[in-house]
Amino acid sequence: MAGKIAFGLMVPITAACFIGMHLDKRLNTTPWMTIILLLLGVVVGFSGLYWMLKNDDN
């Protein structure tokens, strides 16, 4: 269960960070896309964590 939680948080946050850095380089918007997508990744990660823990109880 701990591995699922760590993986479920790590993947969206890491992916959002890398995509944000790539977009910042291409669009010359440093650091705004990274910040926005990182925050979005955190929200998605914790939403997934909540959903995972809620469904695990059933």
PDB file of N, CA and C in Angstrom:
ATOM      1  N   MET A   1       0.818  -1.186   0.000  1.00  0.00           N
ATOM      2  CA  MET A   1       0.000   0.000   0.000  1.00  0.00           C
ATOM      3  C   MET A   1       0.869   1.260   0.000  1.00  0.00           C
ATOM      4  N   ALA A   2       1.969   1.238   0.744  1.00  0.00           N
ATOM      5  CA  ALA A   2       2.829   2.416   0.810  1.00  0.00           C
ATOM      6  C   ALA A   2       3.448   2.721  -0.552  1.00  0.00           C
ATOM      7  N   GLY A   3       3.791   1.685  -1.295  1.00  0.00           N
ATOM      8  CA  GLY A   3       4.348   1.881  -2.633  1.00  0.00           C
ATOM      9  C   GLY A   3       3.343   2.496  -3.584  1.00  0.00           C
ATOM     10  N   LYS A   4       2.085   2.070  -3.472  1.00  0.00           N
ATOM     11  CA  LYS A   4       1.024   2.642  -4.303  1.00  0.00           C
ATOM     12  C   LYS A   4       0.843   4.127  -4.005  1.00  0.00           C
ATOM     13  N   ILE A   5       0.888   4.473  -2.724  1.00  0.00           N
ATOM     14  CA  ILE A   5       0.710   5.866  -2.320  1.00  0.00           C
ATOM     15  C   ILE A   5       1.864   6.712  -2.841  1.00  0.00           C
ATOM     16  N   ALA A   6       3.089   6.246  -2.640  1.00  0.00           N
ATOM     17  CA  ALA A   6       4.257   6.999  -3.102  1.00  0.00           C
ATOM     18  C   ALA A   6       4.249   7.150  -4.616  1.00  0.00           C
ATOM     19  N   PHE A   7       3.953   6.070  -5.321  1.00  0.00           N
ATOM     20  CA  PHE A   7       3.910   6.106  -6.782  1.00  0.00           C
ATOM     21  C   PHE A   7       2.784   7.010  -7.269  1.00  0.00           C
ATOM     22  N   GLY A   8       1.633   6.945  -6.609  1.00  0.00           N
ATOM     23  CA  GLY A   8       0.486   7.763  -6.987  1.00  0.00           C
ATOM     24  C   GLY A   8       0.718   9.247  -6.792  1.00  0.00           C
ATOM     25  N   LEU A   9       1.557   9.611  -5.859  1.00  0.00           N
ATOM     26  CA  LEU A   9       1.900  11.022  -5.663  1.00  0.00           C
ATOM     27  C   LEU A   9       3.063  11.444  -6.553  1.00  0.00           C
ATOM     28  N   MET A  10       4.029  10.561  -6.715  1.00  0.00           N
ATOM     29  CA  MET A  10       5.250  10.909  -7.435  1.00  0.00           C
ATOM     30  C   MET A  10       5.023  11.116  -8.930  1.00  0.00           C
ATOM     31  N   VAL A  11       4.250  10.254  -9.553  1.00  0.00           N
ATOM     32  CA  VAL A  11       4.097  10.292 -11.011  1.00  0.00           C
ATOM     33  C   VAL A  11       3.463  11.592 -11.510  1.00  0.00           C
ATOM     34  N   PRO A  12       2.295  12.009 -10.998  1.00  0.00           N
ATOM     35  CA  PRO A  12       1.710  13.238 -11.546  1.00  0.00           C
ATOM     36  C   PRO A  12       2.548  14.487 -11.251  1.00  0.00           C
ATOM     37  N   ILE A  13       3.162  14.531 -10.079  1.00  0.00           N
ATOM     38  CA  ILE A  13       3.965  15.701  -9.724  1.00  0.00           C
ATOM     39  C   ILE A  13       5.219  15.772 -10.589  1.00  0.00           C
ATOM     40  N   THR A  14       5.905  14.645 -10.757  1.00  0.00           N
ATOM     41  CA  THR A  14       7.112  14.612 -11.581  1.00  0.00           C
ATOM     42  C   THR A  14       6.798  14.895 -13.044  1.00  0.00           C
ATOM     43  N   ALA A  15       5.743  14.281 -13.549  1.00  0.00           N
ATOM     44  CA  ALA A  15       5.359  14.508 -14.946  1.00  0.00           C
ATOM     45  C   ALA A  15       4.999  15.969 -15.179  1.00  0.00           C
ATOM     46  N   ALA A  16       4.248  16.554 -14.266  1.00  0.00           N
ATOM     47  CA  ALA A  16       3.867  17.957 -14.410  1.00  0.00           C
ATOM     48  C   ALA A  16       5.091  18.867 -14.379  1.00  0.00           C
ATOM     49  N   CYS A  17       6.051  18.549 -13.531  1.00  0.00           N
ATOM     50  CA  CYS A  17       7.273  19.350 -13.447  1.00  0.00           C
ATOM     51  C   CYS A  17       8.061  19.292 -14.751  1.00  0.00           C
ATOM     52  N   PHE A  18       8.254  18.103 -15.289  1.00  0.00           N
ATOM     53  CA  PHE A  18       9.007  17.971 -16.540  1.00  0.00           C
ATOM     54  C   PHE A  18       8.279  18.613 -17.719  1.00  0.00           C
ATOM     55  N   ILE A  19       6.975  18.437 -17.787  1.00  0.00           N
ATOM     56  CA  ILE A  19       6.210  19.069 -18.869  1.00  0.00           C
ATOM     57  C   ILE A  19       6.265  20.582 -18.731  1.00  0.00           C
ATOM     58  N   GLY A  20       6.147  21.086 -17.510  1.00  0.00           N
ATOM     59  CA  GLY A  20       6.229  22.526 -17.280  1.00  0.00           C
ATOM     60  C   GLY A  20       7.584  23.104 -17.662  1.00  0.00           C
ATOM     61  N   MET A  21       8.657  22.399 -17.332  1.00  0.00           N
ATOM     62  CA  MET A  21       9.991  22.879 -17.708  1.00  0.00           C
ATOM     63  C   MET A  21      10.165  22.874 -19.220  1.00  0.00           C
ATOM     64  N   HIS A  22       9.646  21.842 -19.870  1.00  0.00           N
ATOM     65  CA  HIS A  22       9.732  21.772 -21.331  1.00  0.00           C
ATOM     66  C   HIS A  22       8.944  22.919 -21.972  1.00  0.00           C
ATOM     67  N   LEU A  23       7.741  23.164 -21.483  1.00  0.00           N
ATOM     68  CA  LEU A  23       6.935  24.255 -22.039  1.00  0.00           C
ATOM     69  C   LEU A  23       7.574  25.615 -21.774  1.00  0.00           C
ATOM     70  N   ASP A  24       8.185  25.777 -20.600  1.00  0.00           N
ATOM     71  CA  ASP A  24       8.867  27.035 -20.299  1.00  0.00           C
ATOM     72  C   ASP A  24      10.001  27.304 -21.279  1.00  0.00           C
ATOM     73  N   LYS A  25      10.747  26.270 -21.628  1.00  0.00           N
ATOM     74  CA  LYS A  25      11.838  26.452 -22.594  1.00  0.00           C
ATOM     75  C   LYS A  25      11.299  26.813 -23.966  1.00  0.00           C
ATOM     76  N   ARG A  26      10.244  26.120 -24.392  1.00  0.00           N
ATOM     77  CA  ARG A  26       9.693  26.355 -25.735  1.00  0.00           C
ATOM     78  C   ARG A  26       8.965  27.693 -25.838  1.00  0.00           C
ATOM     79  N   LEU A  27       8.274  28.087 -24.776  1.00  0.00           N
ATOM     80  CA  LEU A  27       7.462  29.304 -24.814  1.00  0.00           C
ATOM     81  C   LEU A  27       8.148  30.507 -24.175  1.00  0.00           C
ATOM     82  N   ASN A  28       9.332  30.286 -23.580  1.00  0.00           N
ATOM     83  CA  ASN A  28      10.096  31.341 -22.916  1.00  0.00           C
ATOM     84  C   ASN A  28       9.256  32.025 -21.828  1.00  0.00           C
ATOM     85  N   THR A  29       8.652  31.209 -20.969  1.00  0.00           N
ATOM     86  CA  THR A  29       7.799  31.726 -19.901  1.00  0.00           C
ATOM     87  C   THR A  29       8.321  31.366 -18.511  1.00  0.00           C
ATOM     88  N   THR A  30       9.601  31.093 -18.404  1.00  0.00           N
ATOM     89  CA  THR A  30      10.197  30.632 -17.150  1.00  0.00           C
ATOM     90  C   THR A  30       9.821  31.554 -16.003  1.00  0.00           C
ATOM     91  N   PRO A  31       9.416  31.082 -14.892  1.00  0.00           N
ATOM     92  CA  PRO A  31       9.093  29.743 -14.409  1.00  0.00           C
ATOM     93  C   PRO A  31       7.591  29.468 -14.360  1.00  0.00           C
ATOM     94  N   TRP A  32       6.800  30.240 -15.057  1.00  0.00           N
ATOM     95  CA  TRP A  32       5.346  30.200 -14.851  1.00  0.00           C
ATOM     96  C   TRP A  32       4.683  28.875 -15.213  1.00  0.00           C
ATOM     97  N   MET A  33       5.009  28.286 -16.313  1.00  0.00           N
ATOM     98  CA  MET A  33       4.374  27.019 -16.683  1.00  0.00           C
ATOM     99  C   MET A  33       4.768  25.906 -15.712  1.00  0.00           C
ATOM    100  N   THR A  34       6.012  25.940 -15.254  1.00  0.00           N
ATOM    101  CA  THR A  34       6.452  24.936 -14.284  1.00  0.00           C
ATOM    102  C   THR A  34       5.673  25.077 -12.984  1.00  0.00           C
ATOM    103  N   ILE A  35       5.514  26.295 -12.515  1.00  0.00           N
ATOM    104  CA  ILE A  35       4.785  26.524 -11.265  1.00  0.00           C
ATOM    105  C   ILE A  35       3.326  26.109 -11.402  1.00  0.00           C
ATOM    106  N   ILE A  36       2.683  26.536 -12.478  1.00  0.00           N
ATOM    107  CA  ILE A  36       1.267  26.225 -12.678  1.00  0.00           C
ATOM    108  C   ILE A  36       1.050  24.719 -12.794  1.00  0.00           C
ATOM    109  N   LEU A  37       1.855  24.068 -13.619  1.00  0.00           N
ATOM    110  CA  LEU A  37       1.680  22.629 -13.798  1.00  0.00           C
ATOM    111  C   LEU A  37       2.102  21.840 -12.561  1.00  0.00           C
ATOM    112  N   LEU A  38       3.080  22.343 -11.820  1.00  0.00           N
ATOM    113  CA  LEU A  38       3.476  21.674 -10.585  1.00  0.00           C
ATOM    114  C   LEU A  38       2.335  21.714  -9.571  1.00  0.00           C
ATOM    115  N   LEU A  39       1.692  22.863  -9.444  1.00  0.00           N
ATOM    116  CA  LEU A  39       0.536  22.962  -8.550  1.00  0.00           C
ATOM    117  C   LEU A  39      -0.595  22.051  -9.012  1.00  0.00           C
ATOM    118  N   LEU A  40      -0.814  22.005 -10.316  1.00  0.00           N
ATOM    119  CA  LEU A  40      -1.832  21.113 -10.861  1.00  0.00           C
ATOM    120  C   LEU A  40      -1.475  19.649 -10.586  1.00  0.00           C
ATOM    121  N   GLY A  41      -0.203  19.306 -10.716  1.00  0.00           N
ATOM    122  CA  GLY A  41       0.248  17.951 -10.423  1.00  0.00           C
ATOM    123  C   GLY A  41       0.046  17.576  -8.966  1.00  0.00           C
ATOM    124  N   VAL A  42       0.261  18.524  -8.066  1.00  0.00           N
ATOM    125  CA  VAL A  42       0.033  18.270  -6.642  1.00  0.00           C
ATOM    126  C   VAL A  42      -1.452  18.019  -6.384  1.00  0.00           C
ATOM    127  N   VAL A  43      -2.305  18.840  -6.995  1.00  0.00           N
ATOM    128  CA  VAL A  43      -3.753  18.658  -6.826  1.00  0.00           C
ATOM    129  C   VAL A  43      -4.188  17.298  -7.371  1.00  0.00           C
ATOM    130  N   VAL A  44      -3.716  16.959  -8.558  1.00  0.00           N
ATOM    131  CA  VAL A  44      -4.072  15.665  -9.160  1.00  0.00           C
ATOM    132  C   VAL A  44      -3.534  14.513  -8.306  1.00  0.00           C
ATOM    133  N   GLY A  45      -2.313  14.637  -7.821  1.00  0.00           N
ATOM    134  CA  GLY A  45      -1.723  13.587  -6.995  1.00  0.00           C
ATOM    135  C   GLY A  45      -2.493  13.357  -5.706  1.00  0.00           C
ATOM    136  N   PHE A  46      -2.843  14.432  -5.015  1.00  0.00           N
ATOM    137  CA  PHE A  46      -3.577  14.276  -3.770  1.00  0.00           C
ATOM    138  C   PHE A  46      -5.026  13.871  -4.000  1.00  0.00           C
ATOM    139  N   SER A  47      -5.607  14.276  -5.117  1.00  0.00           N
ATOM    140  CA  SER A  47      -6.955  13.804  -5.459  1.00  0.00           C
ATOM    141  C   SER A  47      -6.938  12.300  -5.702  1.00  0.00           C
ATOM    142  N   GLY A  48      -5.937  11.844  -6.419  1.00  0.00           N
ATOM    143  CA  GLY A  48      -5.791  10.409  -6.645  1.00  0.00           C
ATOM    144  C   GLY A  48      -5.542   9.654  -5.355  1.00  0.00           C
ATOM    145  N   LEU A  49      -4.757  10.243  -4.461  1.00  0.00           N
ATOM    146  CA  LEU A  49      -4.492   9.626  -3.164  1.00  0.00           C
ATOM    147  C   LEU A  49      -5.779   9.505  -2.358  1.00  0.00           C
ATOM    148  N   TYR A  50      -6.567  10.563  -2.340  1.00  0.00           N
ATOM    149  CA  TYR A  50      -7.843  10.545  -1.627  1.00  0.00           C
ATOM    150  C   TYR A  50      -8.758   9.471  -2.199  1.00  0.00           C
ATOM    151  N   TRP A  51      -8.849   9.419  -3.518  1.00  0.00           N
ATOM    152  CA  TRP A  51      -9.697   8.431  -4.184  1.00  0.00           C
ATOM    153  C   TRP A  51      -9.219   7.013  -3.879  1.00  0.00           C
ATOM    154  N   MET A  52      -7.896   6.825  -3.908  1.00  0.00           N
ATOM    155  CA  MET A  52      -7.318   5.506  -3.657  1.00  0.00           C
ATOM    156  C   MET A  52      -7.602   5.051  -2.224  1.00  0.00           C
ATOM    157  N   LEU A  53      -7.418   5.944  -1.262  1.00  0.00           N
ATOM    158  CA  LEU A  53      -7.645   5.578   0.135  1.00  0.00           C
ATOM    159  C   LEU A  53      -9.125   5.381   0.430  1.00  0.00           C
ATOM    160  N   LYS A  54      -9.962   6.180  -0.192  1.00  0.00           N
ATOM    161  CA  LYS A  54     -11.403   6.050   0.014  1.00  0.00           C
ATOM    162  C   LYS A  54     -11.907   4.719  -0.541  1.00  0.00           C
ATOM    163  N   ASN A  55     -11.449   4.329  -1.715  1.00  0.00           N
ATOM    164  CA  ASN A  55     -11.884   3.075  -2.319  1.00  0.00           C
ATOM    165  C   ASN A  55     -11.238   1.857  -1.669  1.00  0.00           C
ATOM    166  N   ASP A  56     -10.117   2.040  -1.003  1.00  0.00           N
ATOM    167  CA  ASP A  56      -9.447   0.924  -0.342  1.00  0.00           C
ATOM    168  C   ASP A  56     -10.219   0.471   0.894  1.00  0.00           C
ATOM    169  N   ASP A  57     -10.954   1.388   1.519  1.00  0.00           N
ATOM    170  CA  ASP A  57     -11.725   1.042   2.713  1.00  0.00           C
ATOM    171  C   ASP A  57     -12.895   0.127   2.394  1.00  0.00           C
ATOM    172  N   ASN A  58     -13.388   0.186   1.176  1.00  0.00           N
ATOM    173  CA  ASN A  58     -14.582  -0.606   0.812  1.00  0.00           C
ATOM    174  C   ASN A  58     -14.251  -2.016   0.575  1.00  0.00           C
TER     175      ASN A  58
END
